Amino acid sequence: MRRVRTKTQGLDKSLLLDTCLLAGRIMIEGGSEMYRVEDTMNRIARNAGISAPVTFTTPTGIFISIQGEPYMQLSPVSQRGIDMEKVAGVNQLSRHFADKQISLFALRAKLMDLDQNTPYFPLWLQAIGSAVVSATLMIVFAQTYDWFDVPLAAIAGTVGFLVAYGVAAKTKIRFISETLGALSLGLVALIGVRIGAGQNLDNVIIGAVMPLVPGVAITNSIRDMLAGNLLSGMARGMEAILSAAAIGVGIAVIFRFF
């Protein structure tokens, strides 16, 4: 009888750790801060009856174990992006589990469904959003109401976003999508100014490049370092710097050769 009970407990703990890893991986892939990931994983473990969970998170991998017991699991994180829908979904499911509204099995099933069937905005709506961001932020950063350049900035920003989106979907090479997206939006802005559809090339590019700028990654990097997660903060900061450099390379090519 004792052996059967121990085996059942081991399976429950293994399921718990696997569920915590799944929640953490979804949040990291969605662009969450590391302190929030660790807090969510610890809360799930404690609400399941584990008083001393041990978690360690990085942008490329997650570790979780139970202090004083031979239970430890890890999960790699192969992709990272910005999807607040996933982060909010995991937080909501964690709250339901804390309130005893769902069981551990149901929590894992819902997390798997969230991971595989996350609702996305259609591409056309994302393109409209990039156009709005490009046009409005051009006014904000240029500090002038240059309404004549607003349509060109919106078009260039949309083209750059769509190129970056398409390249990222076709290749696994990091930062190439930002470079080609910046190159394409710079080319559209240059052509638009030369044919008279715009006046100030600098203002148009400043606005059009905004949908590609890794603003959330930079913010999360600083937030992680302030929270004491120096490894994650520096890793995310370097990733954001390389993304910004890739964007700069694409724009520099336009100015250098055209």
C-alpha atoms as a PDB file:
ATOM      1  CA  MET A   1       0.000   0.000   0.000  1.00  0.00           C
ATOM      2  CA  ARG A   2       2.851   2.374   0.808  1.00  0.00           C
ATOM      3  CA  ARG A   3       4.481   1.848  -2.620  1.00  0.00           C
ATOM      4  CA  VAL A   4       1.244   2.647  -4.463  1.00  0.00           C
ATOM      5  CA  ARG A   5       0.787   5.829  -2.439  1.00  0.00           C
ATOM      6  CA  THR A   6       4.334   7.022  -3.094  1.00  0.00           C
ATOM      7  CA  LYS A   7       3.995   6.399  -6.821  1.00  0.00           C
ATOM      8  CA  THR A   8       0.765   8.381  -6.948  1.00  0.00           C
ATOM      9  CA  GLN A   9       2.345  11.275  -5.099  1.00  0.00           C
ATOM     10  CA  GLY A  10       5.286  11.224  -7.472  1.00  0.00           C
ATOM     11  CA  LEU A  11       2.976  11.374 -10.473  1.00  0.00           C
ATOM     12  CA  ASP A  12       1.065  14.294  -8.941  1.00  0.00           C
ATOM     13  CA  LYS A  13       4.245  16.229  -8.266  1.00  0.00           C
ATOM     14  CA  SER A  14       5.579  15.491 -11.704  1.00  0.00           C
ATOM     15  CA  LEU A  15       2.325  16.777 -13.202  1.00  0.00           C
ATOM     16  CA  LEU A  16       2.508  19.864 -11.004  1.00  0.00           C
ATOM     17  CA  LEU A  17       6.061  20.705 -12.055  1.00  0.00           C
ATOM     18  CA  ASP A  18       5.208  20.121 -15.690  1.00  0.00           C
ATOM     19  CA  THR A  19       2.189  22.431 -15.360  1.00  0.00           C
ATOM     20  CA  CYS A  20       4.322  25.147 -13.759  1.00  0.00           C
ATOM     21  CA  LEU A  21       6.877  24.855 -16.560  1.00  0.00           C
ATOM     22  CA  LEU A  22       4.153  25.078 -19.185  1.00  0.00           C
ATOM     23  CA  ALA A  23       2.752  28.229 -17.595  1.00  0.00           C
ATOM     24  CA  GLY A  24       6.198  29.787 -17.352  1.00  0.00           C
ATOM     25  CA  ARG A  25       7.135  28.960 -20.926  1.00  0.00           C
ATOM     26  CA  ILE A  26       3.910  30.459 -22.291  1.00  0.00           C
ATOM     27  CA  MET A  27       4.509  33.664 -20.333  1.00  0.00           C
ATOM     28  CA  ILE A  28       8.123  34.030 -21.483  1.00  0.00           C
ATOM     29  CA  GLU A  29       7.111  33.426 -25.092  1.00  0.00           C
ATOM     30  CA  GLY A  30       4.467  36.115 -24.628  1.00  0.00           C
ATOM     31  CA  GLY A  31       7.016  38.670 -23.445  1.00  0.00           C
ATOM     32  CA  SER A  32       6.344  38.670 -19.709  1.00  0.00           C
ATOM     33  CA  GLU A  33       8.856  39.913 -17.160  1.00  0.00           C
ATOM     34  CA  MET A  34      10.875  37.203 -15.396  1.00  0.00           C
ATOM     35  CA  TYR A  35       9.746  38.193 -11.919  1.00  0.00           C
ATOM     36  CA  ARG A  36       6.130  37.742 -13.000  1.00  0.00           C
ATOM     37  CA  VAL A  37       6.942  34.342 -14.495  1.00  0.00           C
ATOM     38  CA  GLU A  38       8.604  33.150 -11.283  1.00  0.00           C
ATOM     39  CA  ASP A  39       5.779  34.553  -9.145  1.00  0.00           C
ATOM     40  CA  THR A  40       3.109  32.785 -11.215  1.00  0.00           C
ATOM     41  CA  MET A  41       4.959  29.459 -11.144  1.00  0.00           C
ATOM     42  CA  ASN A  42       5.503  29.708  -7.384  1.00  0.00           C
ATOM     43  CA  ARG A  43       1.864  30.579  -6.772  1.00  0.00           C
ATOM     44  CA  ILE A  44       0.659  27.587  -8.776  1.00  0.00           C
ATOM     45  CA  ALA A  45       2.992  25.297  -6.850  1.00  0.00           C
ATOM     46  CA  ARG A  46       2.010  26.692  -3.442  1.00  0.00           C
ATOM     47  CA  ASN A  47      -1.696  26.578  -4.229  1.00  0.00           C
ATOM     48  CA  ALA A  48      -1.216  22.908  -5.110  1.00  0.00           C
ATOM     49  CA  GLY A  49       0.271  22.207  -1.680  1.00  0.00           C
ATOM     50  CA  ILE A  50       4.025  22.608  -2.278  1.00  0.00           C
ATOM     51  CA  SER A  51       5.358  24.901   0.437  1.00  0.00           C
ATOM     52  CA  ALA A  52       8.906  25.364  -0.893  1.00  0.00           C
ATOM     53  CA  PRO A  53       9.127  25.444  -4.705  1.00  0.00           C
ATOM     54  CA  VAL A  54      12.436  26.483  -6.239  1.00  0.00           C
ATOM     55  CA  THR A  55      12.327  28.231  -9.630  1.00  0.00           C
ATOM     56  CA  PHE A  56      15.013  29.647 -11.883  1.00  0.00           C
ATOM     57  CA  THR A  57      14.061  31.374 -15.124  1.00  0.00           C
ATOM     58  CA  THR A  58      16.083  32.653 -18.059  1.00  0.00           C
ATOM     59  CA  PRO A  59      14.964  33.848 -21.496  1.00  0.00           C
ATOM     60  CA  THR A  60      16.031  30.501 -22.982  1.00  0.00           C
ATOM     61  CA  GLY A  61      15.112  27.985 -20.274  1.00  0.00           C
ATOM     62  CA  ILE A  62      13.138  27.401 -17.065  1.00  0.00           C
ATOM     63  CA  PHE A  63      14.017  25.220 -14.076  1.00  0.00           C
ATOM     64  CA  ILE A  64      11.735  24.223 -11.226  1.00  0.00           C
ATOM     65  CA  SER A  65      12.189  21.815  -8.333  1.00  0.00           C
ATOM     66  CA  ILE A  66      10.895  21.087  -4.849  1.00  0.00           C
ATOM     67  CA  GLN A  67      13.239  21.963  -2.023  1.00  0.00           C
ATOM     68  CA  GLY A  68      14.453  18.917  -0.128  1.00  0.00           C
ATOM     69  CA  GLU A  69      12.963  16.434  -2.610  1.00  0.00           C
ATOM     70  CA  PRO A  70      14.390  14.759  -5.740  1.00  0.00           C
ATOM     71  CA  TYR A  71      11.934  16.420  -8.114  1.00  0.00           C
ATOM     72  CA  MET A  72      13.294  18.720 -10.800  1.00  0.00           C
ATOM     73  CA  GLN A  73      12.225  19.535 -14.341  1.00  0.00           C
ATOM     74  CA  LEU A  74      13.380  21.980 -16.991  1.00  0.00           C
ATOM     75  CA  SER A  75      11.893  23.338 -20.181  1.00  0.00           C
ATOM     76  CA  PRO A  76      13.639  25.147 -23.049  1.00  0.00           C
ATOM     77  CA  VAL A  77      12.215  28.357 -24.509  1.00  0.00           C
ATOM     78  CA  SER A  78      12.861  28.380 -28.238  1.00  0.00           C
ATOM     79  CA  GLN A  79      10.916  31.464 -29.292  1.00  0.00           C
ATOM     80  CA  ARG A  80      10.112  34.816 -27.758  1.00  0.00           C
ATOM     81  CA  GLY A  81       7.783  37.536 -28.864  1.00  0.00           C
ATOM     82  CA  ILE A  82       5.126  39.945 -27.630  1.00  0.00           C
ATOM     83  CA  ASP A  83       1.698  38.465 -26.942  1.00  0.00           C
ATOM     84  CA  MET A  84      -0.027  39.952 -23.909  1.00  0.00           C
ATOM     85  CA  GLU A  85      -3.037  37.730 -24.609  1.00  0.00           C
ATOM     86  CA  LYS A  86      -1.013  34.713 -23.508  1.00  0.00           C
ATOM     87  CA  VAL A  87       0.340  36.426 -20.401  1.00  0.00           C
ATOM     88  CA  ALA A  88      -3.113  37.597 -19.330  1.00  0.00           C
ATOM     89  CA  GLY A  89      -4.554  34.140 -20.046  1.00  0.00           C
ATOM     90  CA  VAL A  90      -2.011  32.379 -17.844  1.00  0.00           C
ATOM     91  CA  ASN A  91      -2.566  34.884 -15.025  1.00  0.00           C
ATOM     92  CA  GLN A  92      -6.315  34.385 -15.213  1.00  0.00           C
ATOM     93  CA  LEU A  93      -6.018  30.589 -15.135  1.00  0.00           C
ATOM     94  CA  SER A  94      -3.631  30.837 -12.192  1.00  0.00           C
ATOM     95  CA  ARG A  95      -6.194  32.898 -10.278  1.00  0.00           C
ATOM     96  CA  HIS A  96      -8.922  30.345 -11.042  1.00  0.00           C
ATOM     97  CA  PHE A  97      -6.659  27.593  -9.739  1.00  0.00           C
ATOM     98  CA  ALA A  98      -5.909  29.595  -6.585  1.00  0.00           C
ATOM     99  CA  ASP A  99      -9.649  30.058  -6.000  1.00  0.00           C
ATOM    100  CA  LYS A 100     -10.205  26.271  -6.413  1.00  0.00           C
ATOM    101  CA  GLN A 101     -12.408  26.847  -9.442  1.00  0.00           C
ATOM    102  CA  ILE A 102     -10.396  24.374 -11.550  1.00  0.00           C
ATOM    103  CA  SER A 103      -8.286  21.337 -10.720  1.00  0.00           C
ATOM    104  CA  LEU A 104      -4.632  20.797 -11.576  1.00  0.00           C
ATOM    105  CA  PHE A 105      -5.594  18.552 -14.491  1.00  0.00           C
ATOM    106  CA  ALA A 106      -8.004  21.168 -15.797  1.00  0.00           C
ATOM    107  CA  LEU A 107      -5.379  23.889 -15.372  1.00  0.00           C
ATOM    108  CA  ARG A 108      -2.870  21.944 -17.459  1.00  0.00           C
ATOM    109  CA  ALA A 109      -5.484  21.210 -20.138  1.00  0.00           C
ATOM    110  CA  LYS A 110      -6.469  24.872 -20.370  1.00  0.00           C
ATOM    111  CA  LEU A 111      -2.823  25.951 -20.517  1.00  0.00           C
ATOM    112  CA  MET A 112      -2.183  23.542 -23.388  1.00  0.00           C
ATOM    113  CA  ASP A 113      -5.228  24.883 -25.199  1.00  0.00           C
ATOM    114  CA  LEU A 114      -4.017  28.456 -24.628  1.00  0.00           C
ATOM    115  CA  ASP A 115      -0.576  27.535 -25.942  1.00  0.00           C
ATOM    116  CA  GLN A 116      -1.875  25.896 -29.096  1.00  0.00           C
ATOM    117  CA  ASN A 117      -4.971  27.985 -29.849  1.00  0.00           C
ATOM    118  CA  THR A 118      -4.107  31.516 -28.817  1.00  0.00           C
ATOM    119  CA  PRO A 119      -6.444  33.973 -30.576  1.00  0.00           C
ATOM    120  CA  TYR A 120      -4.584  36.367 -32.845  1.00  0.00           C
ATOM    121  CA  PHE A 121      -5.752  39.534 -34.503  1.00  0.00           C
ATOM    122  CA  PRO A 122      -6.028  39.065 -38.277  1.00  0.00           C
ATOM    123  CA  LEU A 123      -3.083  40.291 -40.302  1.00  0.00           C
ATOM    124  CA  TRP A 124      -5.092  43.072 -41.920  1.00  0.00           C
ATOM    125  CA  LEU A 125      -5.983  44.484 -38.512  1.00  0.00           C
ATOM    126  CA  GLN A 126      -2.347  44.303 -37.393  1.00  0.00           C
ATOM    127  CA  ALA A 127      -1.390  46.167 -40.562  1.00  0.00           C
ATOM    128  CA  ILE A 128      -3.924  48.898 -39.761  1.00  0.00           C
ATOM    129  CA  GLY A 129      -2.514  49.105 -36.250  1.00  0.00           C
ATOM    130  CA  SER A 130       1.022  49.538 -37.575  1.00  0.00           C
ATOM    131  CA  ALA A 131      -0.201  52.316 -39.877  1.00  0.00           C
ATOM    132  CA  VAL A 132      -1.855  54.146 -36.982  1.00  0.00           C
ATOM    133  CA  VAL A 133       1.235  53.739 -34.788  1.00  0.00           C
ATOM    134  CA  SER A 134       3.533  55.016 -37.531  1.00  0.00           C
ATOM    135  CA  ALA A 135       1.394  58.068 -38.295  1.00  0.00           C
ATOM    136  CA  THR A 136       0.754  59.138 -34.703  1.00  0.00           C
ATOM    137  CA  LEU A 137       4.261  58.524 -33.377  1.00  0.00           C
ATOM    138  CA  MET A 138       5.730  60.475 -36.283  1.00  0.00           C
ATOM    139  CA  ILE A 139       3.880  63.514 -34.930  1.00  0.00           C
ATOM    140  CA  VAL A 140       4.977  62.745 -31.357  1.00  0.00           C
ATOM    141  CA  PHE A 141       8.677  62.286 -32.084  1.00  0.00           C
ATOM    142  CA  ALA A 142       8.994  64.870 -34.851  1.00  0.00           C
ATOM    143  CA  GLN A 143       7.353  67.465 -32.561  1.00  0.00           C
ATOM    144  CA  THR A 144       5.513  68.970 -35.510  1.00  0.00           C
ATOM    145  CA  TYR A 145       2.064  68.573 -37.017  1.00  0.00           C
ATOM    146  CA  ASP A 146       3.355  67.618 -40.442  1.00  0.00           C
ATOM    147  CA  TRP A 147       0.044  66.334 -41.787  1.00  0.00           C
ATOM    148  CA  PHE A 148       1.370  66.092 -45.335  1.00  0.00           C
ATOM    149  CA  ASP A 149       3.818  63.333 -44.330  1.00  0.00           C
ATOM    150  CA  VAL A 150       1.320  61.351 -42.227  1.00  0.00           C
ATOM    151  CA  PRO A 151      -0.072  59.175 -45.079  1.00  0.00           C
ATOM    152  CA  LEU A 152       3.409  58.302 -46.339  1.00  0.00           C
ATOM    153  CA  ALA A 153       4.578  57.405 -42.826  1.00  0.00           C
ATOM    154  CA  ALA A 154       1.535  55.156 -42.394  1.00  0.00           C
ATOM    155  CA  ILE A 155       2.159  53.409 -45.726  1.00  0.00           C
ATOM    156  CA  ALA A 156       5.881  52.967 -45.118  1.00  0.00           C
ATOM    157  CA  GLY A 157       5.289  51.654 -41.594  1.00  0.00           C
ATOM    158  CA  THR A 158       2.732  49.154 -42.863  1.00  0.00           C
ATOM    159  CA  VAL A 159       5.068  47.906 -45.601  1.00  0.00           C
ATOM    160  CA  GLY A 160       7.925  47.520 -43.134  1.00  0.00           C
ATOM    161  CA  PHE A 161       5.720  45.634 -40.683  1.00  0.00           C
ATOM    162  CA  LEU A 162       4.375  43.269 -43.343  1.00  0.00           C
ATOM    163  CA  VAL A 163       7.864  42.523 -44.699  1.00  0.00           C
ATOM    164  CA  ALA A 164       9.226  41.852 -41.208  1.00  0.00           C
ATOM    165  CA  TYR A 165       6.203  39.679 -40.411  1.00  0.00           C
ATOM    166  CA  GLY A 166       6.573  37.647 -43.603  1.00  0.00           C
ATOM    167  CA  VAL A 167      10.328  37.163 -43.234  1.00  0.00           C
ATOM    168  CA  ALA A 168       9.993  36.116 -39.586  1.00  0.00           C
ATOM    169  CA  ALA A 169       7.399  33.505 -40.604  1.00  0.00           C
ATOM    170  CA  LYS A 170       9.668  32.078 -43.321  1.00  0.00           C
ATOM    171  CA  THR A 171      13.076  32.002 -41.653  1.00  0.00           C
ATOM    172  CA  LYS A 172      14.533  31.216 -38.241  1.00  0.00           C
ATOM    173  CA  ILE A 173      17.486  33.586 -38.616  1.00  0.00           C
ATOM    174  CA  ARG A 174      17.300  36.121 -35.812  1.00  0.00           C
ATOM    175  CA  PHE A 175      17.220  39.848 -36.584  1.00  0.00           C
ATOM    176  CA  ILE A 176      17.062  39.418 -40.370  1.00  0.00           C
ATOM    177  CA  SER A 177      13.356  40.286 -40.331  1.00  0.00           C
ATOM    178  CA  GLU A 178      14.044  43.638 -38.614  1.00  0.00           C
ATOM    179  CA  THR A 179      16.788  44.455 -41.110  1.00  0.00           C
ATOM    180  CA  LEU A 180      14.689  43.692 -44.185  1.00  0.00           C
ATOM    181  CA  GLY A 181      11.640  45.399 -42.690  1.00  0.00           C
ATOM    182  CA  ALA A 182      13.626  48.581 -42.022  1.00  0.00           C
ATOM    183  CA  LEU A 183      15.189  48.377 -45.479  1.00  0.00           C
ATOM    184  CA  SER A 184      11.788  48.113 -47.161  1.00  0.00           C
ATOM    185  CA  LEU A 185      10.161  50.931 -45.186  1.00  0.00           C
ATOM    186  CA  GLY A 186      13.152  53.160 -45.823  1.00  0.00           C
ATOM    187  CA  LEU A 187      12.926  52.465 -49.537  1.00  0.00           C
ATOM    188  CA  VAL A 188       9.192  53.230 -49.587  1.00  0.00           C
ATOM    189  CA  ALA A 189       9.777  56.462 -47.653  1.00  0.00           C
ATOM    190  CA  LEU A 190      12.567  57.512 -50.009  1.00  0.00           C
ATOM    191  CA  ILE A 191      10.527  56.816 -53.135  1.00  0.00           C
ATOM    192  CA  GLY A 192       7.519  58.591 -51.656  1.00  0.00           C
ATOM    193  CA  VAL A 193       9.500  61.727 -50.883  1.00  0.00           C
ATOM    194  CA  ARG A 194      11.129  61.767 -54.330  1.00  0.00           C
ATOM    195  CA  ILE A 195       7.815  61.502 -56.155  1.00  0.00           C
ATOM    196  CA  GLY A 196       6.275  64.215 -54.006  1.00  0.00           C
ATOM    197  CA  ALA A 197       4.090  62.127 -51.695  1.00  0.00           C
ATOM    198  CA  GLY A 198       6.099  63.380 -48.711  1.00  0.00           C
ATOM    199  CA  GLN A 199       8.314  66.294 -47.725  1.00  0.00           C
ATOM    200  CA  ASN A 200      10.593  65.343 -44.829  1.00  0.00           C
ATOM    201  CA  LEU A 201      12.300  61.960 -45.206  1.00  0.00           C
ATOM    202  CA  ASP A 202      13.610  61.969 -41.642  1.00  0.00           C
ATOM    203  CA  ASN A 203      10.173  62.491 -40.117  1.00  0.00           C
ATOM    204  CA  VAL A 204       8.630  59.794 -42.288  1.00  0.00           C
ATOM    205  CA  ILE A 205      11.265  57.218 -41.338  1.00  0.00           C
ATOM    206  CA  ILE A 206      11.065  58.144 -37.633  1.00  0.00           C
ATOM    207  CA  GLY A 207       7.362  57.325 -37.628  1.00  0.00           C
ATOM    208  CA  ALA A 208       7.478  54.333 -39.953  1.00  0.00           C
ATOM    209  CA  VAL A 209      10.159  52.520 -37.984  1.00  0.00           C
ATOM    210  CA  MET A 210       8.219  52.576 -34.699  1.00  0.00           C
ATOM    211  CA  PRO A 211       6.280  49.281 -35.217  1.00  0.00           C
ATOM    212  CA  LEU A 212       9.653  47.481 -35.439  1.00  0.00           C
ATOM    213  CA  VAL A 213      11.289  49.063 -32.398  1.00  0.00           C
ATOM    214  CA  PRO A 214      11.643  46.541 -29.495  1.00  0.00           C
ATOM    215  CA  GLY A 215      10.168  48.865 -26.894  1.00  0.00           C
ATOM    216  CA  VAL A 216       8.604  46.143 -24.739  1.00  0.00           C
ATOM    217  CA  ALA A 217      11.864  44.146 -24.687  1.00  0.00           C
ATOM    218  CA  ILE A 218      13.810  47.207 -23.530  1.00  0.00           C
ATOM    219  CA  THR A 219      11.257  47.970 -20.816  1.00  0.00           C
ATOM    220  CA  ASN A 220      11.205  44.374 -19.575  1.00  0.00           C
ATOM    221  CA  SER A 221      15.002  44.279 -19.563  1.00  0.00           C
ATOM    222  CA  ILE A 222      15.188  47.311 -17.291  1.00  0.00           C
ATOM    223  CA  ARG A 223      12.377  45.963 -15.104  1.00  0.00           C
ATOM    224  CA  ASP A 224      14.140  42.611 -14.700  1.00  0.00           C
ATOM    225  CA  MET A 225      17.408  44.257 -13.690  1.00  0.00           C
ATOM    226  CA  LEU A 226      15.619  46.466 -11.173  1.00  0.00           C
ATOM    227  CA  ALA A 227      13.970  43.352  -9.744  1.00  0.00           C
ATOM    228  CA  GLY A 228      17.375  41.675  -9.338  1.00  0.00           C
ATOM    229  CA  ASN A 229      17.151  39.306 -12.321  1.00  0.00           C
ATOM    230  CA  LEU A 230      20.480  40.461 -13.736  1.00  0.00           C
ATOM    231  CA  LEU A 231      21.022  37.480 -16.046  1.00  0.00           C
ATOM    232  CA  SER A 232      17.608  37.791 -17.697  1.00  0.00           C
ATOM    233  CA  GLY A 233      17.804  41.576 -17.765  1.00  0.00           C
ATOM    234  CA  MET A 234      21.160  41.640 -19.518  1.00  0.00           C
ATOM    235  CA  ALA A 235      20.163  38.894 -21.956  1.00  0.00           C
ATOM    236  CA  ARG A 236      16.959  40.680 -22.925  1.00  0.00           C
ATOM    237  CA  GLY A 237      18.753  44.001 -23.073  1.00  0.00           C
ATOM    238  CA  MET A 238      21.350  42.609 -25.469  1.00  0.00           C
ATOM    239  CA  GLU A 239      18.600  41.069 -27.591  1.00  0.00           C
ATOM    240  CA  ALA A 240      16.836  44.441 -27.763  1.00  0.00           C
ATOM    241  CA  ILE A 241      20.093  46.206 -28.642  1.00  0.00           C
ATOM    242  CA  LEU A 242      20.766  43.759 -31.466  1.00  0.00           C
ATOM    243  CA  SER A 243      17.224  44.247 -32.768  1.00  0.00           C
ATOM    244  CA  ALA A 244      17.693  48.013 -32.717  1.00  0.00           C
ATOM    245  CA  ALA A 245      21.057  47.609 -34.466  1.00  0.00           C
ATOM    246  CA  ALA A 246      19.440  45.457 -37.160  1.00  0.00           C
ATOM    247  CA  ILE A 247      16.841  48.167 -37.744  1.00  0.00           C
ATOM    248  CA  GLY A 248      19.587  50.773 -37.905  1.00  0.00           C
ATOM    249  CA  VAL A 249      21.484  48.747 -40.491  1.00  0.00           C
ATOM    250  CA  GLY A 250      18.439  48.602 -42.753  1.00  0.00           C
ATOM    251  CA  ILE A 251      17.901  52.367 -42.539  1.00  0.00           C
ATOM    252  CA  ALA A 252      21.625  53.093 -42.964  1.00  0.00           C
ATOM    253  CA  VAL A 253      21.728  51.124 -46.204  1.00  0.00           C
ATOM    254  CA  ILE A 254      19.018  53.360 -47.641  1.00  0.00           C
ATOM    255  CA  PHE A 255      20.868  56.547 -46.726  1.00  0.00           C
ATOM    256  CA  ARG A 256      24.219  55.189 -47.874  1.00  0.00           C
ATOM    257  CA  PHE A 257      23.336  53.873 -51.292  1.00  0.00           C
ATOM    258  CA  PHE A 258      20.262  55.887 -52.294  1.00  0.00           C
END
